């Protein structure tokens, strides 16, 4: 179904996922140092 969700939903989820991963990596680096 093409109208299952608008395109911006996928973009938002993708950016949020990348942001979460980056924050997790930075958090681990701060813990190490």
Protein backbone atom coordinates (compact mmCIF):
# COMPACT_ATOMS: atom_id res chain seq x y z
CA UNK A 1 0.00 0.00 0.00
CA UNK A 2 1.67 3.24 -1.16
CA UNK A 3 -0.31 5.30 1.38
CA UNK A 4 0.73 3.17 4.36
CA UNK A 5 2.91 6.03 5.62
CA UNK A 6 4.22 9.33 4.20
CA UNK A 7 7.88 9.51 3.07
CA UNK A 8 8.89 11.83 5.92
CA UNK A 9 8.14 9.09 8.44
CA UNK A 10 10.89 6.89 7.00
CA UNK A 11 13.32 9.83 6.90
CA UNK A 12 12.53 10.79 10.49
CA UNK A 13 12.94 7.24 11.76
CA UNK A 14 16.20 6.89 9.85
CA UNK A 15 17.65 10.11 11.26
CA UNK A 16 16.47 9.19 14.75
CA UNK A 17 18.11 5.77 14.47
CA UNK A 18 21.41 7.28 13.31
CA UNK A 19 21.23 9.93 16.06
CA UNK A 20 20.64 7.24 18.69
CA UNK A 21 23.60 5.19 17.44
CA UNK A 22 25.89 8.25 17.42
CA UNK A 23 24.86 9.22 20.95
CA UNK A 24 25.44 5.65 22.12
CA UNK A 25 28.94 5.61 20.59
CA UNK A 26 29.82 9.03 22.06
CA UNK A 27 28.53 7.86 25.45
CA UNK A 28 30.75 4.79 25.31
CA UNK A 29 33.76 6.92 24.38
CA UNK A 30 33.10 9.26 27.32
CA UNK A 31 32.89 6.26 29.66
CA UNK A 32 36.16 4.83 28.31
CA UNK A 33 38.02 8.12 28.67
